[in-house]
């Protein structure tokens, strides 16, 4: 099911208010480290940008997006299946096909831009921020990065009661974020590194 922005906003607010058994709160805990993406194990998807290089044959090199049919067009050999394969598998396929035209070809396939999982790998900021947002995840992104992308907090926010929600297997973990200390005191103890799918909520203060 594909949710629009309002749907994601409702989802984030629901998480903030949830007291159900499926949500575990880790007061003072630190979220687990985000594992780096290994592009050698990554399966290429539609719209990903790939760079094909052939040693000693620069005229055969290309940098192209993967088409909706999962194919890329390579000089001399035409269409090659890229979608659903790793860069190493695509390089091997191109190398075998080029052997008909080029002596002992050495092929490298590099991912230059991961686009196919942009809408699955997002970070969302909801609550008392200037502009609730759903932004693409980037390696190294922190809570502060995400909140600043949302325009910062409003005058009605209770920043030190903020939370980061992360789904882990069959439950959602909650981690306390001392956003006031991050923004006003430079205390980065709870400026956690975010992960794809994280939701950050900033509640309003009780008047």
Foldseek 3Di string as FASTA:
>chain_A
DDDDPVVVQVVLVCVVPDPDPQEAEDEPDADDDDDDDDLQPDQAAFQFWKWKDKPPCRVQIDIGGQHPVQWDQTPPQGIDHRGRHGQVVRQVVVQVSCVVPDPNIHMGMDGPGRDRCQVQFWEWEYEQAQATDTGGDDPPDWPVNRRVVSVHGDPQWPQQQKWKWDDDDRGIYIYGAHRCCVVPVVDCSRRHGDTGPMYIYIYGDDD
